[in-house]
């Protein structure tokens, strides 16, 4: 095995904290949720972090762009952090890196493709300090304080994915990363089951096992099955333009689409910034082979017949503003839907994205476009292990303790049941929550305490400035609208100078509700005059009384509760 294969020459640290104390294991993301995966191991004065992912906002987060883990515990203990270890380059494992590096300056270790994608992100969102990125390969071992981390090759829906075996003072901790057991991977590099079996013979104390597909029986299909489906689709629709949406990071899938297009004499145009960035990084690093003359600029697609063009695009999850979304809703400036288009969704909906995906499918069908997805043909296979693969991993590792990670509660519980089926006692299986600390020592394992954890919302350039109050106000505005009362008063003279004017947005259509708005204005006028006559000089109190009087009247008349915003100016 290779030792410390790095970019740069970061000096080795002297191991510390070797006293008799427990290993502390906690997740700051990836539990009871899909995405924003982040696991922390702490022993004495040493901390390592595994993955640094982002999550997608749900319908309860209007206007939010993405969600990242709360790293306040890491910021408070930044002096202990020895590094961030990356299992692979998916957004839910690396998406938060640029934001975390704004708060803490720590080295990052990952395989070439993972770091290539991270570098692209840091170009767009630079860190305040020069980031330390160290390249590792499967089989490498790096020393980080008391920890020694070994990267182990696994199969997943992105190249260069690894599990990580961490040697700690209390034994080996095996972090599965995201994996599947593909016996016929496109790159010919099968998951390193031999090394995993060797670790099992040596003895594994704790298995941190992904749970995404733990509810699904059997084995996950090989990526090669998608290639057969693509051949059928290209042959069936040889005279039609194909628009294929998939995950930008699944470069093996994209490679198959490009190769199939080349065999059928098609040119390929790529849409979507993330797709272009990942393909650029993958091709530069040698993970993709792009045939000469196949790729064309999207501006040139009009020069070719529909049956001679394939478009590869982002937006397979229905993300608003993605390339496919803009195409579906006729908002794309360079690609317009045609009646003979066929859209292939080479993906499955991530839990929580079903409505977004359904919305795009409905828009495409309404436009007369044929849609092919995994319910019609085998155009997608998962990158995550199903039950039999998880069983095989547990059989090889023979872990003493198991903590399911990466999934909602139902996924974690399904993984717990798999571990019990494999003969691991329920008392040795730990279903954790974000921030809950699992302590492991030579005597046993148990939960003990919590650290700050949760979600930080990113909206534009703002990180963490959107809290529960702002979300509540946004939902209130979205559901009930806004009524603004504007008036100028003379507090000393005790009379209204101008107004009150009533402005409504998202509450009622003013031209059809003139009588209601006149009554709202009358009540506002009466309330302001009454307060001025009483010599009320507390403007907060005045706004609250105006708000309460109008809220009662509006609810009585309309059964609605719009946000009411009084603006009173003393002239």
Protein backbone atom coordinates (compact mmCIF):
# COMPACT_ATOMS: atom_id res chain seq x y z
CA UNK A 1 0.00 0.00 0.00
CA UNK A 2 1.05 3.54 -0.69
CA UNK A 3 1.53 5.97 2.16
CA UNK A 4 0.40 9.61 1.97
CA UNK A 5 0.17 10.11 -1.80
CA UNK A 6 -0.61 13.86 -1.69
CA UNK A 7 -0.70 17.07 -3.64
CA UNK A 8 1.82 19.29 -1.97
CA UNK A 9 3.91 18.50 1.05
CA UNK A 10 1.81 18.91 4.16
CA UNK A 11 3.98 17.93 7.15
CA UNK A 12 3.00 14.87 9.13
CA UNK A 13 1.30 15.50 12.45
CA UNK A 14 2.40 13.86 15.65
CA UNK A 15 -0.38 11.53 16.88
CA UNK A 16 -2.04 12.81 20.00
CA UNK A 17 -4.71 11.81 22.48
CA UNK A 18 -3.68 8.17 22.93
CA UNK A 19 -5.12 7.90 26.41
CA UNK A 20 -7.85 5.43 27.38
CA UNK A 21 -10.92 7.24 26.13
CA UNK A 22 -13.81 6.50 23.77
CA UNK A 23 -13.98 7.10 20.07
CA UNK A 24 -16.77 9.59 19.40
CA UNK A 25 -18.78 9.08 16.20
CA UNK A 26 -21.41 11.57 15.09
CA UNK A 27 -23.22 12.57 11.90
CA UNK A 28 -23.83 16.23 11.10
CA UNK A 29 -25.78 15.25 7.99
CA UNK A 30 -27.15 12.20 6.19
CA UNK A 31 -29.39 10.86 8.97
CA UNK A 32 -33.19 11.00 8.80
CA UNK A 33 -32.72 12.69 5.41
CA UNK A 34 -31.39 12.25 1.90
CA UNK A 35 -28.24 14.25 1.21
CA UNK A 36 -25.80 16.58 3.00
CA UNK A 37 -23.77 13.62 4.17
CA UNK A 38 -21.14 14.39 6.81
CA UNK A 39 -19.70 11.99 9.40
CA UNK A 40 -17.26 13.00 12.16
CA UNK A 41 -14.86 10.78 14.10
CA UNK A 42 -13.22 12.25 17.20
CA UNK A 43 -10.65 10.76 19.54
CA UNK A 44 -8.94 12.96 22.09
CA UNK A 45 -7.41 15.91 20.27
CA UNK A 46 -7.98 14.53 16.77
CA UNK A 47 -11.00 14.88 14.48
CA UNK A 48 -11.50 13.62 10.94
CA UNK A 49 -14.49 14.36 8.74
CA UNK A 50 -15.84 11.98 6.11
CA UNK A 51 -17.66 13.74 3.25
CA UNK A 52 -19.01 17.25 3.12
CA UNK A 53 -22.27 17.20 1.21
CA UNK A 54 -25.22 19.41 0.44
CA UNK A 55 -28.92 18.68 0.28
CA UNK A 56 -31.79 20.02 -1.79
CA UNK A 57 -34.46 22.27 -0.25
CA UNK A 58 -37.94 20.86 0.20
CA UNK A 59 -41.30 22.54 -0.34
CA UNK A 60 -41.14 23.96 3.18
CA UNK A 61 -38.13 26.11 2.17
CA UNK A 62 -39.40 28.58 -0.46
CA UNK A 63 -36.62 30.49 -2.19
CA UNK A 64 -33.78 28.44 -0.67
CA UNK A 65 -31.11 27.28 -3.13
CA UNK A 66 -29.49 24.48 -1.15
CA UNK A 67 -28.99 23.09 2.35
CA UNK A 68 -25.67 22.37 4.07
CA UNK A 69 -24.81 20.89 7.48
CA UNK A 70 -24.50 23.00 10.61
CA UNK A 71 -20.75 22.89 11.32
CA UNK A 72 -20.72 25.05 14.47
CA UNK A 73 -19.21 22.12 16.42
CA UNK A 74 -16.40 21.82 13.87
CA UNK A 75 -15.75 25.56 13.90
CA UNK A 76 -15.46 25.47 17.70
CA UNK A 77 -13.01 22.54 17.44
CA UNK A 78 -11.18 23.56 14.27
CA UNK A 79 -7.78 23.12 15.96
CA UNK A 80 -8.48 19.38 16.30
CA UNK A 81 -9.47 18.72 12.68
CA UNK A 82 -6.85 16.76 10.75
CA UNK A 83 -8.65 16.56 7.42
CA UNK A 84 -11.77 15.95 5.35
CA UNK A 85 -11.88 12.59 3.55
CA UNK A 86 -14.06 12.40 0.44
CA UNK A 87 -15.60 9.08 -0.61
CA UNK A 88 -16.74 10.28 -4.07
CA UNK A 89 -17.72 13.32 -6.09
CA UNK A 90 -21.51 13.47 -5.84
CA UNK A 91 -23.11 16.72 -4.69
CA UNK A 92 -24.52 15.11 -1.55
CA UNK A 93 -20.92 14.29 -0.55
CA UNK A 94 -18.92 17.31 -1.76
CA UNK A 95 -21.44 20.10 -2.38
CA UNK A 96 -20.82 21.88 0.93
CA UNK A 97 -17.02 21.99 0.57
CA UNK A 98 -16.83 25.62 -0.67
CA UNK A 99 -19.03 26.78 2.21
CA UNK A 100 -17.19 24.79 4.89
CA UNK A 101 -13.83 26.15 3.70
CA UNK A 102 -15.18 29.64 4.30
CA UNK A 103 -15.30 28.76 8.02
CA UNK A 104 -12.44 26.33 8.60
CA UNK A 105 -9.17 25.83 6.73
CA UNK A 106 -8.50 22.08 6.65
CA UNK A 107 -6.86 19.73 4.14
CA UNK A 108 -9.08 17.63 1.86
CA UNK A 109 -8.19 14.13 0.69
CA UNK A 110 -9.91 12.47 -2.24
CA UNK A 111 -9.44 10.63 -5.50
CA UNK A 112 -8.56 12.51 -8.69
CA UNK A 113 -12.09 12.88 -10.08
CA UNK A 114 -13.54 13.94 -6.72
CA UNK A 115 -10.89 16.63 -6.31
CA UNK A 116 -11.24 17.68 -9.96
CA UNK A 117 -14.94 18.40 -9.39
CA UNK A 118 -14.18 20.15 -6.10
CA UNK A 119 -11.60 22.36 -7.80
CA UNK A 120 -14.26 23.44 -10.28
CA UNK A 121 -16.54 24.40 -7.42
CA UNK A 122 -13.78 26.35 -5.68
CA UNK A 123 -13.09 28.26 -8.89
CA UNK A 124 -16.68 29.53 -8.75
CA UNK A 125 -16.72 30.06 -4.98
CA UNK A 126 -13.12 30.65 -3.83
CA UNK A 127 -12.05 29.93 -0.26
CA UNK A 128 -10.44 32.74 1.78
CA UNK A 129 -7.27 30.64 2.05
CA UNK A 130 -5.53 28.51 -0.55
CA UNK A 131 -7.22 25.09 -0.18
CA UNK A 132 -5.04 22.08 0.52
CA UNK A 133 -6.18 19.29 -1.81
CA UNK A 134 -4.33 15.97 -1.61
CA UNK A 135 -4.86 13.23 -4.19
CA UNK A 136 -5.24 9.64 -3.03
CA UNK A 137 -5.90 6.41 -4.88
CA UNK A 138 -7.67 3.25 -3.82
CA UNK A 139 -5.20 1.35 -1.67
CA UNK A 140 -3.54 4.45 -0.22
CA UNK A 141 -3.23 4.87 3.54
CA UNK A 142 -2.91 8.32 5.12
CA UNK A 143 -2.07 9.15 8.73
CA UNK A 144 -4.15 11.85 10.41
CA UNK A 145 -3.33 12.16 14.09
CA UNK A 146 -4.31 8.94 15.84
CA UNK A 147 -6.22 7.83 12.74
CA UNK A 148 -5.00 5.89 9.73
CA UNK A 149 -7.42 5.97 6.82
CA UNK A 150 -7.32 3.44 3.98
CA UNK A 151 -9.21 4.13 0.75
CA UNK A 152 -10.89 1.04 -0.74
CA UNK A 153 -12.30 0.91 -4.28
CA UNK A 154 -16.07 0.42 -4.60
CA UNK A 155 -18.54 0.58 -7.48
CA UNK A 156 -21.02 3.43 -7.59
CA UNK A 157 -22.72 5.66 -10.18
CA UNK A 158 -19.60 7.81 -10.42
CA UNK A 159 -16.00 6.84 -11.09
CA UNK A 160 -13.31 6.85 -8.41
CA UNK A 161 -15.68 6.04 -5.53
CA UNK A 162 -14.16 4.64 -2.35
CA UNK A 163 -15.08 3.25 1.01
CA UNK A 164 -12.77 4.23 3.87
CA UNK A 165 -11.43 1.95 6.59
CA UNK A 166 -10.19 4.00 9.56
CA UNK A 167 -7.85 2.46 12.09
CA UNK A 168 -8.53 4.01 15.48
CA UNK A 169 -7.29 3.30 19.02
CA UNK A 170 -10.48 1.26 19.61
CA UNK A 171 -10.38 -0.74 16.38
CA UNK A 172 -11.29 -0.44 12.70
CA UNK A 173 -14.21 1.73 11.62
CA UNK A 174 -15.41 0.92 8.10
CA UNK A 175 -17.32 3.72 6.33
CA UNK A 176 -19.03 2.19 3.30
CA UNK A 177 -19.54 5.42 1.37
CA UNK A 178 -22.13 4.88 -1.36
CA UNK A 179 -21.61 1.54 -3.09
CA UNK A 180 -23.04 -1.30 -5.13
CA UNK A 181 -21.53 -4.64 -6.06
CA UNK A 182 -21.33 -4.56 -9.85
CA UNK A 183 -19.67 -7.70 -11.20
CA UNK A 184 -19.51 -6.24 -14.72
CA UNK A 185 -18.64 -2.55 -14.29
CA UNK A 186 -18.01 -0.54 -17.43
CA UNK A 187 -14.45 0.28 -16.42
CA UNK A 188 -13.76 -3.36 -15.55
CA UNK A 189 -12.72 -2.45 -12.01
CA UNK A 190 -14.86 -4.44 -9.60
CA UNK A 191 -15.30 -3.47 -5.95
CA UNK A 192 -12.32 -4.66 -3.87
CA UNK A 193 -14.11 -7.48 -2.07
CA UNK A 194 -10.80 -9.20 -1.38
CA UNK A 195 -9.50 -6.31 0.71
CA UNK A 196 -12.84 -5.99 2.48
CA UNK A 197 -12.68 -9.68 3.38
CA UNK A 198 -9.16 -9.23 4.75
CA UNK A 199 -10.38 -6.40 7.00
CA UNK A 200 -13.17 -8.66 8.21
CA UNK A 201 -10.66 -11.35 9.19
CA UNK A 202 -8.62 -8.74 11.00
CA UNK A 203 -11.70 -7.57 12.88
CA UNK A 204 -13.98 -4.56 12.33
CA UNK A 205 -15.29 -2.75 15.38
CA UNK A 206 -17.88 -0.48 13.75
CA UNK A 207 -19.56 -0.50 10.34
CA UNK A 208 -21.08 2.75 9.12
CA UNK A 209 -23.25 1.41 6.30
CA UNK A 210 -25.22 3.33 3.70
CA UNK A 211 -28.97 2.67 3.72
CA UNK A 212 -30.40 4.29 0.57
CA UNK A 213 -31.65 1.03 -0.99
CA UNK A 214 -31.94 -1.01 2.21
CA UNK A 215 -35.66 -1.49 1.61
CA UNK A 216 -35.12 -3.07 -1.81
CA UNK A 217 -34.63 -6.85 -2.01
CA UNK A 218 -32.10 -8.55 -4.24
CA UNK A 219 -29.14 -7.02 -6.04
CA UNK A 220 -28.78 -3.72 -7.90
CA UNK A 221 -28.55 -4.21 -11.67
CA UNK A 222 -25.29 -3.56 -13.50
CA UNK A 223 -24.72 -0.28 -15.32
CA UNK A 224 -24.25 -2.36 -18.49
CA UNK A 225 -28.01 -3.04 -18.63
CA UNK A 226 -28.56 0.63 -19.42
CA UNK A 227 -26.38 0.28 -22.51
CA UNK A 228 -28.71 -2.39 -23.93
CA UNK A 229 -31.73 -0.16 -23.32
CA UNK A 230 -30.03 2.79 -24.99
CA UNK A 231 -29.32 0.67 -28.08
CA UNK A 232 -33.03 -0.22 -28.33
CA UNK A 233 -34.10 3.41 -27.91
CA UNK A 234 -31.65 4.72 -30.51
CA UNK A 235 -32.81 2.03 -32.98
CA UNK A 236 -36.51 2.64 -32.29
CA UNK A 237 -36.32 6.42 -32.64
CA UNK A 238 -33.66 6.69 -35.31
CA UNK A 239 -35.43 9.59 -37.08
CA UNK A 240 -36.17 11.60 -33.93
CA UNK A 241 -34.09 13.99 -31.86
CA UNK A 242 -33.18 12.43 -28.51
CA UNK A 243 -32.95 14.57 -25.36
CA UNK A 244 -31.46 12.47 -22.57
CA UNK A 245 -31.43 13.76 -19.00
CA UNK A 246 -29.20 12.12 -16.40
CA UNK A 247 -27.04 12.94 -13.41
CA UNK A 248 -24.06 15.01 -14.53
CA UNK A 249 -21.74 13.05 -12.23
CA UNK A 250 -22.62 9.67 -13.76
CA UNK A 251 -19.84 9.83 -16.31
CA UNK A 252 -20.13 6.12 -17.16
CA UNK A 253 -23.77 6.73 -18.16
CA UNK A 254 -22.82 9.81 -20.17
CA UNK A 255 -20.01 7.86 -21.83
CA UNK A 256 -22.49 5.17 -22.88
CA UNK A 257 -24.82 7.81 -24.34
CA UNK A 258 -21.98 9.40 -26.30
CA UNK A 259 -20.71 6.03 -27.55
CA UNK A 260 -24.19 4.92 -28.61
CA UNK A 261 -24.75 8.24 -30.37
CA UNK A 262 -21.47 7.83 -32.28
CA UNK A 263 -22.39 4.29 -33.37
CA UNK A 264 -25.71 5.59 -34.72
CA UNK A 265 -24.12 8.51 -36.54
CA UNK A 266 -25.42 11.20 -34.20
CA UNK A 267 -23.76 14.38 -33.02
CA UNK A 268 -23.94 15.18 -29.31
CA UNK A 269 -24.54 18.54 -27.63
CA UNK A 270 -24.22 18.95 -23.87
CA UNK A 271 -26.51 21.26 -21.87
CA UNK A 272 -26.30 22.43 -18.27
CA UNK A 273 -23.40 24.03 -16.43
CA UNK A 274 -22.81 21.12 -14.04
CA UNK A 275 -22.86 18.63 -16.93
CA UNK A 276 -20.33 20.68 -18.89
CA UNK A 277 -18.10 21.14 -15.84
CA UNK A 278 -18.07 17.46 -14.84
CA UNK A 279 -17.50 16.25 -18.39
CA UNK A 280 -14.65 18.71 -18.78
CA UNK A 281 -13.00 17.53 -15.56
CA UNK A 282 -13.57 13.83 -16.39
CA UNK A 283 -12.16 14.16 -19.91
CA UNK A 284 -9.16 16.15 -18.71
CA UNK A 285 -8.35 13.54 -16.06
CA UNK A 286 -8.74 10.65 -18.48
CA UNK A 287 -11.98 9.18 -17.11
CA UNK A 288 -13.83 9.69 -20.40
CA UNK A 289 -12.96 9.01 -24.01
CA UNK A 290 -14.68 11.52 -26.28
CA UNK A 291 -14.71 10.35 -29.94
CA UNK A 292 -13.41 12.91 -32.42
CA UNK A 293 -16.05 14.98 -34.16
CA UNK A 294 -19.01 13.78 -32.09
CA UNK A 295 -19.43 16.71 -29.69
CA UNK A 296 -20.90 19.89 -31.15
CA UNK A 297 -21.89 23.25 -29.71
CA UNK A 298 -25.55 23.58 -28.82
CA UNK A 299 -25.76 26.58 -31.15
CA UNK A 300 -25.05 24.26 -34.10
CA UNK A 301 -27.85 21.73 -33.56
CA UNK A 302 -30.10 23.47 -36.10
CA UNK A 303 -27.64 22.49 -38.83
CA UNK A 304 -28.47 18.80 -38.38
CA UNK A 305 -31.57 16.69 -38.97
CA UNK A 306 -33.42 15.63 -35.78
CA UNK A 307 -32.31 12.00 -36.18
CA UNK A 308 -28.68 13.10 -36.29
CA UNK A 309 -28.62 14.84 -32.89
CA UNK A 310 -28.55 13.76 -29.25
CA UNK A 311 -28.80 16.30 -26.44
CA UNK A 312 -27.43 15.32 -23.04
CA UNK A 313 -28.81 17.55 -20.32
CA UNK A 314 -29.14 18.16 -16.62
CA UNK A 315 -32.51 18.39 -14.89
CA UNK A 316 -33.36 14.73 -14.36
CA UNK A 317 -34.64 15.63 -10.87
CA UNK A 318 -36.91 18.40 -12.14
CA UNK A 319 -34.75 21.12 -10.64
CA UNK A 320 -36.15 24.57 -11.45
CA UNK A 321 -33.83 26.50 -13.77
CA UNK A 322 -32.07 23.33 -14.93
CA UNK A 323 -31.64 22.92 -18.68
CA UNK A 324 -34.41 20.31 -19.02
CA UNK A 325 -36.80 22.40 -16.92
CA UNK A 326 -36.25 25.42 -19.15
CA UNK A 327 -36.68 23.28 -22.27
CA UNK A 328 -39.91 21.74 -20.96
CA UNK A 329 -41.43 25.12 -20.16
CA UNK A 330 -40.19 26.84 -23.36
CA UNK A 331 -37.78 29.05 -21.46
CA UNK A 332 -34.51 27.83 -23.00
CA UNK A 333 -32.98 30.37 -25.35
CA UNK A 334 -31.34 27.84 -27.69
CA UNK A 335 -33.39 24.63 -27.56
CA UNK A 336 -37.08 24.55 -28.47
CA UNK A 337 -39.19 21.40 -28.22
CA UNK A 338 -40.27 19.80 -31.47
CA UNK A 339 -43.09 17.36 -32.10
CA UNK A 340 -40.66 14.60 -33.06
CA UNK A 341 -38.50 14.91 -29.93
CA UNK A 342 -38.08 11.99 -27.54
CA UNK A 343 -37.04 12.80 -23.97
CA UNK A 344 -35.32 10.03 -22.01
CA UNK A 345 -35.14 10.43 -18.22
CA UNK A 346 -32.17 8.22 -17.43
CA UNK A 347 -32.59 8.53 -13.68
CA UNK A 348 -34.99 7.85 -10.85
CA UNK A 349 -36.51 10.52 -8.64
CA UNK A 350 -34.62 11.15 -5.43
CA UNK A 351 -37.11 10.87 -2.50
CA UNK A 352 -38.76 14.26 -2.17
CA UNK A 353 -38.30 15.20 -5.84
CA UNK A 354 -41.22 13.18 -7.19
CA UNK A 355 -43.48 16.20 -7.67
CA UNK A 356 -40.79 18.17 -9.48
CA UNK A 357 -40.09 15.28 -11.85
CA UNK A 358 -43.82 14.73 -12.40
CA UNK A 359 -44.26 18.40 -13.27
CA UNK A 360 -41.62 18.21 -15.99
CA UNK A 361 -43.07 14.99 -17.42
CA UNK A 362 -46.52 16.59 -17.58
CA UNK A 363 -45.11 19.65 -19.35
CA UNK A 364 -43.30 17.48 -21.89
CA UNK A 365 -46.32 15.29 -22.60
CA UNK A 366 -48.51 18.40 -22.95
CA UNK A 367 -46.09 19.62 -25.62
CA UNK A 368 -46.60 16.39 -27.55
CA UNK A 369 -43.20 14.93 -26.69
CA UNK A 370 -42.63 11.22 -26.12
CA UNK A 371 -41.16 10.56 -22.63
CA UNK A 372 -39.21 7.41 -21.80
CA UNK A 373 -38.26 6.76 -18.17
CA UNK A 374 -37.37 3.76 -16.00
CA UNK A 375 -41.04 2.76 -15.76
CA UNK A 376 -41.06 2.30 -19.55
CA UNK A 377 -37.58 0.87 -20.18
CA UNK A 378 -34.46 0.02 -18.17
CA UNK A 379 -32.85 3.41 -18.79
CA UNK A 380 -31.59 3.75 -15.23
CA UNK A 381 -30.00 1.58 -12.58
CA UNK A 382 -29.24 2.67 -9.07
CA UNK A 383 -25.75 3.23 -7.74
CA UNK A 384 -26.71 2.01 -4.28
CA UNK A 385 -26.61 -1.44 -2.72
CA UNK A 386 -29.81 -3.43 -2.27
CA UNK A 387 -30.40 -5.87 0.58
CA UNK A 388 -28.33 -8.81 -0.69
CA UNK A 389 -25.31 -6.58 -1.34
CA UNK A 390 -25.53 -5.10 2.15
CA UNK A 391 -25.74 -8.62 3.54
CA UNK A 392 -22.63 -9.62 1.60
CA UNK A 393 -20.73 -6.59 2.92
CA UNK A 394 -21.72 -7.44 6.50
CA UNK A 395 -20.80 -11.09 5.96
CA UNK A 396 -17.33 -10.11 4.78
CA UNK A 397 -16.68 -7.49 7.47
CA UNK A 398 -18.28 -9.29 10.44
CA UNK A 399 -18.59 -5.98 12.36
CA UNK A 400 -19.09 -5.93 16.10
CA UNK A 401 -21.27 -2.82 15.91
CA UNK A 402 -23.34 -1.33 13.10
CA UNK A 403 -24.62 2.23 12.66
CA UNK A 404 -26.78 2.72 9.54
CA UNK A 405 -26.16 6.04 7.74
CA UNK A 406 -27.27 7.84 4.56
CA UNK A 407 -31.05 7.68 4.52
CA UNK A 408 -34.39 8.59 5.99
CA UNK A 409 -35.55 6.80 9.12
CA UNK A 410 -37.29 4.03 7.16
CA UNK A 411 -34.05 3.34 5.27
CA UNK A 412 -32.00 3.26 8.46
CA UNK A 413 -34.49 0.91 10.13
CA UNK A 414 -34.49 -1.42 7.10
CA UNK A 415 -30.69 -1.55 7.37
CA UNK A 416 -31.03 -2.39 11.06
CA UNK A 417 -33.25 -5.33 10.15
CA UNK A 418 -30.64 -6.55 7.64
CA UNK A 419 -27.97 -6.44 10.35
CA UNK A 420 -30.20 -8.41 12.70
CA UNK A 421 -30.81 -10.99 9.94
CA UNK A 422 -27.03 -11.32 9.65
CA UNK A 423 -26.80 -12.28 13.32
CA UNK A 424 -25.77 -8.93 14.82
CA UNK A 425 -27.54 -8.34 18.13
CA UNK A 426 -30.02 -5.46 18.20
CA UNK A 427 -28.15 -4.04 21.20
CA UNK A 428 -25.13 -3.60 18.92
CA UNK A 429 -27.03 -1.74 16.19
CA UNK A 430 -27.40 2.02 16.64
CA UNK A 431 -29.90 4.17 14.77
CA UNK A 432 -28.67 7.68 15.44
CA UNK A 433 -29.98 11.19 14.90
CA UNK A 434 -28.12 14.25 13.71
CA UNK A 435 -25.63 15.38 16.34
CA UNK A 436 -26.13 12.38 18.62
CA UNK A 437 -22.78 10.99 19.73
CA UNK A 438 -22.00 7.28 19.66
CA UNK A 439 -19.10 6.49 21.98
CA UNK A 440 -17.11 3.33 21.31
CA UNK A 441 -14.33 1.90 23.48
CA UNK A 442 -12.83 -1.49 24.26
CA UNK A 443 -15.67 -2.26 26.65
CA UNK A 444 -18.64 -1.45 24.47
CA UNK A 445 -20.62 1.18 22.60
CA UNK A 446 -23.44 3.51 23.64
CA UNK A 447 -24.94 6.88 22.86
CA UNK A 448 -23.66 9.62 25.11
CA UNK A 449 -24.55 13.26 24.58
CA UNK A 450 -25.12 15.46 21.56
CA UNK A 451 -23.33 18.16 19.58
CA UNK A 452 -24.95 21.05 17.70
CA UNK A 453 -26.35 19.82 14.38
CA UNK A 454 -29.01 20.75 11.91
CA UNK A 455 -29.30 22.51 8.61
CA UNK A 456 -27.95 25.79 7.30
CA UNK A 457 -29.87 27.31 4.38
CA UNK A 458 -28.10 28.93 1.45
CA UNK A 459 -30.02 31.56 -0.50
CA UNK A 460 -28.00 33.33 -3.18
CA UNK A 461 -24.89 34.77 -1.54
CA UNK A 462 -26.40 34.43 1.93
CA UNK A 463 -25.30 31.46 4.03
CA UNK A 464 -27.17 30.83 7.26
CA UNK A 465 -29.06 34.12 7.24
CA UNK A 466 -32.34 32.37 6.43
CA UNK A 467 -33.84 31.03 9.64
CA UNK A 468 -37.20 29.73 10.81
CA UNK A 469 -38.68 33.22 11.11
CA UNK A 470 -37.79 34.13 7.52
CA UNK A 471 -39.12 30.79 6.23
CA UNK A 472 -42.33 31.31 8.19
CA UNK A 473 -42.77 34.76 6.65
CA UNK A 474 -42.07 33.42 3.15
CA UNK A 475 -44.66 30.67 3.59
CA UNK A 476 -47.11 33.20 5.01
CA UNK A 477 -46.62 35.46 1.98
CA UNK A 478 -46.91 32.54 -0.42
CA UNK A 479 -50.09 31.21 1.16
CA UNK A 480 -52.01 34.36 2.14
CA UNK A 481 -50.43 37.39 0.47
CA UNK A 482 -49.58 40.84 1.78
CA UNK A 483 -51.50 43.97 2.74
CA UNK A 484 -49.47 47.16 3.31
CA UNK A 485 -50.95 50.18 5.10
CA UNK A 486 -49.05 53.45 4.48
CA UNK A 487 -49.92 56.70 6.28
CA UNK A 488 -48.26 60.00 7.25
CA UNK A 489 -49.31 61.53 10.59
CA UNK A 490 -48.63 64.54 12.78
CA UNK A 491 -48.26 63.05 16.23
CA UNK A 492 -48.11 66.41 17.97
CA UNK A 493 -51.21 67.75 16.20
CA UNK A 494 -52.94 64.40 16.48
CA UNK A 495 -54.21 64.08 12.90
CA UNK A 496 -53.54 62.16 9.68
CA UNK A 497 -51.67 64.15 7.03
CA UNK A 498 -52.04 61.68 4.15
CA UNK A 499 -53.42 58.23 3.61
CA UNK A 500 -53.77 55.65 4.74
CA UNK A 501 -53.10 54.03 1.37
CA UNK A 502 -53.72 50.30 1.05
CA UNK A 503 -51.45 48.18 -1.16
CA UNK A 504 -52.29 44.51 -1.70
CA UNK A 505 -50.11 41.79 -3.22
CA UNK A 506 -51.20 38.17 -3.47
CA UNK A 507 -54.28 38.74 -1.27
CA UNK A 508 -57.14 39.76 -3.54
CA UNK A 509 -57.46 41.18 -7.05
CA UNK A 510 -58.01 44.83 -6.12
CA UNK A 511 -60.13 45.77 -9.15
CA UNK A 512 -62.66 43.09 -8.23
CA UNK A 513 -62.55 43.82 -4.48
CA UNK A 514 -62.93 47.59 -4.36
CA UNK A 515 -65.64 47.50 -1.66
CA UNK A 516 -63.47 45.32 0.59
CA UNK A 517 -60.44 47.57 0.13
CA UNK A 518 -62.51 50.68 0.91
CA UNK A 519 -63.62 49.08 4.18
CA UNK A 520 -60.02 48.12 5.00
CA UNK A 521 -58.98 51.73 4.42
CA UNK A 522 -61.82 53.02 6.59
CA UNK A 523 -60.94 50.75 9.49
CA UNK A 524 -57.25 51.68 9.21
CA UNK A 525 -58.21 55.37 9.25
CA UNK A 526 -60.43 54.95 12.32
CA UNK A 527 -57.74 53.04 14.20
CA UNK A 528 -54.97 55.56 13.43
CA UNK A 529 -57.18 58.55 14.40
CA UNK A 530 -58.24 56.83 17.62
CA UNK A 531 -54.63 56.16 18.60
CA UNK A 532 -53.56 59.72 17.77
CA UNK A 533 -56.36 61.13 19.90
CA UNK A 534 -55.14 58.96 22.78
CA UNK A 535 -51.67 60.46 22.28
CA UNK A 536 -50.11 57.04 21.59
CA UNK A 537 -46.45 57.75 20.78
CA UNK A 538 -45.15 54.19 20.82
CA UNK A 539 -44.95 53.43 17.11
CA UNK A 540 -44.55 49.70 17.69
CA UNK A 541 -47.75 49.67 19.72
CA UNK A 542 -49.53 51.68 17.01
CA UNK A 543 -48.46 49.25 14.27
CA UNK A 544 -49.55 46.26 16.37
CA UNK A 545 -53.01 47.71 17.04
CA UNK A 546 -53.51 48.56 13.35
CA UNK A 547 -52.39 45.05 12.40
CA UNK A 548 -54.76 43.40 14.92
CA UNK A 549 -57.81 45.48 13.94
CA UNK A 550 -57.31 44.82 10.23
CA UNK A 551 -56.57 41.12 10.77
CA UNK A 552 -59.86 40.62 12.65
CA UNK A 553 -61.87 42.41 9.98
CA UNK A 554 -60.19 40.68 7.02
CA UNK A 555 -60.56 37.22 8.56
CA UNK A 556 -64.23 37.87 9.37
CA UNK A 557 -64.92 38.93 5.78
CA UNK A 558 -62.66 36.55 3.82
CA UNK A 559 -61.51 33.78 6.20
CA UNK A 560 -57.96 34.64 5.13
CA UNK A 561 -54.93 35.74 7.12
CA UNK A 562 -52.67 37.87 4.91
CA UNK A 563 -49.48 39.38 6.28
CA UNK A 564 -50.32 42.95 7.32
CA UNK A 565 -47.52 45.50 7.26
CA UNK A 566 -48.35 49.00 8.64
CA UNK A 567 -45.93 51.77 7.63
CA UNK A 568 -46.56 54.93 9.71
CA UNK A 569 -44.44 58.03 9.14
CA UNK A 570 -44.43 60.95 11.61
CA UNK A 571 -44.02 64.18 9.69
